[in-house]
Protein backbone atom coordinates (compact mmCIF):
# COMPACT_ATOMS: atom_id res chain seq x y z
CA MET A 1 -8.78 -29.18 10.42
CA HIS A 2 -11.11 -28.68 7.98
CA MET A 3 -11.81 -25.78 4.73
CA LEU A 4 -14.01 -23.42 4.52
CA ASN A 5 -14.20 -22.93 1.10
CA GLY A 6 -16.91 -24.21 -0.50
CA ARG A 7 -19.38 -24.92 2.48
CA ILE A 8 -20.01 -22.00 4.70
CA SER A 9 -23.07 -19.75 4.23
CA GLY A 10 -21.74 -17.03 2.05
CA ASP A 11 -19.84 -19.33 -0.17
CA LEU A 12 -21.77 -22.86 -0.34
CA GLU A 13 -21.02 -21.80 -4.85
CA GLY A 14 -17.27 -22.32 -3.67
CA HIS A 15 -16.49 -19.22 -5.48
CA PHE A 16 -12.64 -18.85 -6.83
CA SER A 17 -10.62 -16.02 -5.27
CA CYS A 18 -7.16 -15.66 -7.81
CA LEU A 19 -7.74 -13.95 -10.83
CA ALA A 20 -4.59 -14.60 -12.86
CA ASN A 21 -3.41 -14.87 -16.64
CA ASN A 22 -4.10 -17.94 -16.74
CA GLY A 23 -7.64 -17.97 -16.00
CA ALA A 24 -9.75 -18.40 -12.82
CA SER A 25 -8.91 -20.71 -9.65
CA LEU A 26 -9.63 -21.57 -6.15
CA VAL A 27 -5.97 -20.87 -4.42
CA ASP A 28 -6.70 -19.33 -1.33
CA TYR A 29 -8.07 -21.10 1.49
CA ASN A 30 -9.26 -20.14 4.54
CA ILE A 31 -9.32 -23.30 7.78
CA VAL A 32 -10.02 -24.12 10.89
CA SER A 33 -9.39 -26.34 13.66
CA THR A 34 -11.97 -28.63 14.57
CA SER A 35 -12.65 -26.82 18.07
CA LEU A 36 -13.58 -23.72 15.93
CA PHE A 37 -15.59 -25.03 13.13
CA GLN A 38 -18.88 -24.85 15.56
CA TYR A 39 -18.65 -20.89 15.62
CA VAL A 40 -17.71 -19.99 11.76
CA THR A 41 -21.27 -18.25 11.17
CA TYR A 42 -19.95 -17.14 7.74
CA PHE A 43 -17.30 -17.19 4.77
CA HIS A 44 -16.78 -14.88 1.68
CA ILE A 45 -14.42 -14.10 -0.82
CA ASP A 46 -14.49 -10.38 -1.11
CA ASP A 47 -13.97 -8.77 -5.34
CA ARG A 48 -10.74 -8.62 -6.52
CA ASP A 49 -8.16 -5.45 -4.90
CA ASN A 50 -5.83 -4.76 -6.37
CA SER A 51 -4.07 -8.34 -6.15
CA ASP A 52 -4.66 -11.52 -8.42
CA HIS A 53 -5.48 -12.60 -4.95
CA PHE A 54 -9.11 -12.40 -3.33
CA PRO A 55 -9.85 -10.87 0.54
CA LEU A 56 -10.92 -13.82 2.24
CA HIS A 57 -13.41 -12.65 5.19
CA CYS A 58 -14.62 -15.63 8.00
CA ARG A 59 -16.98 -14.39 10.63
CA LEU A 60 -16.71 -16.56 14.63
CA GLN A 61 -20.15 -16.93 16.80
CA PHE A 62 -18.64 -16.89 20.55
CA PRO A 63 -21.75 -17.89 23.00
CA SER A 64 -21.58 -14.39 24.79
CA GLU A 65 -21.69 -16.90 28.67
CA LEU A 66 -18.20 -17.51 27.75
CA GLY A 67 -17.24 -13.48 28.54
CA PRO A 68 -14.67 -11.44 27.56
CA THR A 69 -11.07 -12.68 28.04
CA PRO A 70 -7.75 -10.11 29.12
CA LEU A 71 -5.83 -9.86 25.56
CA ASN A 72 -1.89 -10.79 25.79
CA GLY A 73 -2.02 -13.82 28.71
CA ALA A 74 -3.44 -11.61 31.85
CA SER A 75 -5.30 -13.27 34.88
CA SER A 76 -8.65 -11.77 34.92
CA SER A 77 -7.54 -10.75 38.73
CA GLN A 78 -5.13 -7.73 37.04
CA ASN A 79 -6.97 -4.13 36.63
CA THR A 80 -7.17 -3.93 34.11
CA SER A 81 -10.76 -1.41 32.37
CA GLU A 82 -12.94 -2.20 30.00
CA ASN A 83 -12.37 0.25 28.06
CA GLU A 84 -8.48 -0.10 28.30
CA ARG A 85 -8.95 -3.91 27.13
CA HIS A 86 -10.22 -3.13 23.46
CA ASP A 87 -8.20 0.00 23.00
CA ARG A 88 -5.40 -2.02 22.99
CA LYS A 89 -4.42 -4.28 19.12
CA PRO A 90 -2.35 -7.42 19.29
CA GLN A 91 1.18 -7.70 20.42
CA ILE A 92 3.31 -7.40 17.41
CA ASN A 93 7.19 -8.88 18.14
CA GLY A 94 6.80 -8.45 21.60
CA GLU A 95 5.39 -4.85 22.02
CA GLU A 96 2.18 -4.18 22.63
CA ASN A 97 0.42 -1.54 20.53
CA ARG A 98 -2.27 1.08 21.79
CA THR A 99 -4.70 3.06 19.58
């Protein structure tokens, strides 16, 4: 496991992630597995929104030769158009959501 805070372009200074009555602190972390760490290209702690905690943003970039993978564990032999695959949202509680 690898912590991104303070280690990746966009947050090399290690910004704080929470501003509360007791001051500023780093209490929100973005952690990735060793196998994903090599694909992380950017990590940023955004400005505070409507919370004491700041939004965390992480960008991963995968090699294009991996190609698109079917959603929801579907086999590549299923007849699913490229547009239909991109219109789907992840499943929530086993139910597929469409836009």
